[in-house]
């Protein structure tokens, strides 16, 4: 991606599937773009925080051009949040688990509730009557997916409570029990 006074322009996407992504491979990809736009036009290179990307930018700075190399902090934050929100009780992760396992348990409960509502169309229809906001299904690959999901649950907490204590909820539950008795 390139940016100038005219705006932002997407230059290239590369499918790296099946490639060995070492610093030489990444350096070559970045170098090709530098040559394409011109060395004099490059002020900054931004990559994710992977060690191989850091090594590639370091090599480019020492051999091709001198520019600012920035590594996106989001990658590091996402890894830290993933460790906190899905804490595993291992020897290497003992302190994090001890301090943060409650977050893992809350996230698991919220996921179970979300899946229950999303997989039962009548429950989902009820929620839509009680809340203007929808339940979010955030892919785990997105930044802070657990935090985003929990934040949405906090926003619709009252509506969820109202739904569960409503007459509709009880009637639907009784209807299911009756069907089970009749059709076994």
Foldseek 3Di string as FASTA:
>chain_A
DDQDPVGDDDDDDDDCPPPDQALVVVLVVVVVVCVVVDVVRDAEAEEAPDPRPVVNVVCCCVPPHNHHYYHDCLVVVQVVLCCQQQPDCDPVRPVSCVVRVVNVVVLVVLVVVLCVCVVDVLSQVLLVVQDVDHQDDDDSVDRPRSVVRVVVCVVCVVSVVCSCPDPSNVVVVVVVVVCVVVVD
